[in-house]
Amino acid sequence: MNVVGQIALIFGVCLAGEGIAAVLPVKFPASVIAMILLAGLLLTRVVKPRHIEGVSKVMLANMALAFVPACTSVMQRFVYIKPYLVPFLLICVATTPVVFLVTAWTVQLVLKLQRRKGAGRDA
């Protein structure tokens, strides 16, 4: 698929996510809905990875550019954030090891379950 078709496919999924978010009775991020839609399309093989591979590589390589507007907005409102900076940093420092540990334990559990499942097939 050509680059324009790949971009159209990704933007079409994003547009569908926006449409679904607009009709939902609760607030839900359209970007998350679009990611779930794209994951569903990929898992059901309606969309094959090769259909979006070229554009997704370019988007991933330049992902840092997507954070520039958000960081600029945060810096413009730093006056409001400054009083909460120390508690925020303390929370980040305290919770980061917890996230690392939970992730490591989850990976170990998944690997153990996969080994068990693989051993069950060999028997």
Protein backbone atom coordinates (compact mmCIF):
# COMPACT_ATOMS: atom_id res chain seq x y z
CA MET A 1 0.00 0.00 0.00
CA ASN A 2 1.33 3.45 -0.83
CA VAL A 3 2.11 6.10 1.77
CA VAL A 4 -1.04 8.12 1.13
CA GLY A 5 -3.17 5.01 1.57
CA GLN A 6 -1.38 4.16 4.84
CA ILE A 7 -1.93 7.68 6.18
CA ALA A 8 -5.57 7.57 5.08
CA LEU A 9 -6.05 4.26 6.89
CA ILE A 10 -4.55 5.53 10.14
CA PHE A 11 -6.45 8.81 9.99
CA GLY A 12 -9.64 6.92 9.13
CA VAL A 13 -9.27 4.85 12.28
CA CYS A 14 -8.63 8.06 14.24
CA LEU A 15 -11.75 9.63 12.72
CA ALA A 16 -13.79 6.55 13.64
CA GLY A 17 -12.47 6.87 17.20
CA GLU A 18 -13.57 10.52 17.28
CA GLY A 19 -17.02 9.52 16.04
CA ILE A 20 -17.41 6.78 18.62
CA ALA A 21 -16.21 9.10 21.41
CA ALA A 22 -18.77 11.70 20.33
CA VAL A 23 -21.72 9.32 20.65
CA LEU A 24 -20.66 7.62 23.89
CA PRO A 25 -22.69 8.73 26.90
CA VAL A 26 -19.49 9.04 28.99
CA LYS A 27 -16.30 10.98 28.33
CA PHE A 28 -13.64 8.69 26.87
CA PRO A 29 -10.51 9.73 24.94
CA ALA A 30 -10.95 9.29 21.22
CA SER A 31 -7.26 8.44 20.84
CA VAL A 32 -7.66 5.44 23.15
CA ILE A 33 -10.73 4.30 21.24
CA ALA A 34 -8.78 4.63 17.97
CA MET A 35 -5.91 2.56 19.38
CA ILE A 36 -8.36 -0.14 20.50
CA LEU A 37 -9.97 -0.09 17.04
CA LEU A 38 -6.61 -0.38 15.30
CA ALA A 39 -5.53 -3.18 17.64
CA GLY A 40 -8.79 -4.99 16.90
CA LEU A 41 -8.33 -4.55 13.15
CA LEU A 42 -4.77 -5.87 13.39
CA LEU A 43 -5.73 -8.82 15.60
CA THR A 44 -8.59 -9.84 13.31
CA ARG A 45 -6.23 -9.41 10.34
CA VAL A 46 -8.61 -7.03 8.59
CA VAL A 47 -5.63 -4.69 8.49
CA LYS A 48 -2.27 -6.34 8.03
CA PRO A 49 0.87 -4.86 9.63
CA ARG A 50 2.35 -4.25 6.18
CA HIS A 51 -0.59 -1.93 5.43
CA ILE A 52 0.60 0.60 8.02
CA GLU A 53 4.25 -0.35 8.50
CA GLY A 54 5.90 2.45 6.49
CA VAL A 55 3.97 5.34 8.00
CA SER A 56 4.05 3.91 11.53
CA LYS A 57 7.86 3.67 11.38
CA VAL A 58 8.08 7.34 10.40
CA MET A 59 5.58 8.32 13.12
CA LEU A 60 7.49 6.38 15.78
CA ALA A 61 10.81 7.87 14.69
CA ASN A 62 9.38 11.39 15.04
CA MET A 63 7.16 10.82 18.07
CA ALA A 64 9.08 13.33 20.19
CA LEU A 65 7.69 16.15 18.04
CA ALA A 66 4.19 15.30 19.27
CA PHE A 67 5.20 16.25 22.82
CA VAL A 68 6.52 19.74 21.98
CA PRO A 69 3.11 21.51 22.15
CA ALA A 70 2.22 19.82 25.45
CA CYS A 71 5.58 20.68 27.01
CA THR A 72 5.26 24.27 25.80
CA SER A 73 1.84 24.57 27.43
CA VAL A 74 3.17 23.16 30.69
CA MET A 75 6.04 25.63 30.71
CA GLN A 76 3.68 28.54 30.00
CA ARG A 77 1.67 27.58 33.09
CA PHE A 78 4.67 26.78 35.29
CA VAL A 79 3.58 29.47 37.77
CA TYR A 80 0.56 27.33 38.64
CA ILE A 81 2.58 24.12 38.83
CA LYS A 82 5.50 25.44 40.87
CA PRO A 83 3.88 25.10 44.35
CA TYR A 84 3.12 21.43 43.63
CA LEU A 85 6.47 20.57 42.03
CA VAL A 86 8.15 19.02 45.09
CA PRO A 87 5.17 16.79 46.04
CA PHE A 88 4.82 15.78 42.40
CA LEU A 89 8.48 14.83 42.12
CA LEU A 90 8.32 12.91 45.41
CA ILE A 91 5.32 10.95 44.16
CA CYS A 92 7.12 10.21 40.87
CA VAL A 93 10.27 9.04 42.67
CA ALA A 94 8.24 6.89 45.08
CA THR A 95 5.97 5.27 42.50
CA THR A 96 8.50 4.60 39.72
CA PRO A 97 10.12 1.62 41.51
CA VAL A 98 6.64 0.24 42.23
CA VAL A 99 5.78 0.39 38.52
CA PHE A 100 9.10 -1.30 37.63
CA LEU A 101 8.50 -4.09 40.15
CA VAL A 102 4.90 -4.73 39.10
CA THR A 103 5.96 -4.78 35.45
CA ALA A 104 8.79 -7.21 36.17
CA TRP A 105 6.50 -9.51 38.16
CA THR A 106 3.89 -9.39 35.40
CA VAL A 107 6.49 -10.32 32.77
CA GLN A 108 7.74 -13.18 34.93
CA LEU A 109 4.19 -14.44 35.43
CA VAL A 110 3.42 -14.28 31.71
CA LEU A 111 6.66 -16.09 30.85
CA LYS A 112 5.90 -18.79 33.43
CA LEU A 113 2.38 -19.23 32.02
CA GLN A 114 3.74 -19.41 28.48
CA ARG A 115 6.30 -22.06 29.51
CA ARG A 116 3.56 -24.09 31.19
CA LYS A 117 1.35 -23.79 28.13
CA GLY A 118 4.26 -24.82 25.88
CA ALA A 119 5.08 -27.79 28.14
CA GLY A 120 1.44 -28.87 27.99
CA ARG A 121 1.55 -29.02 24.19
CA ASP A 122 4.65 -31.23 24.14
CA ALA A 123 3.10 -33.84 26.43
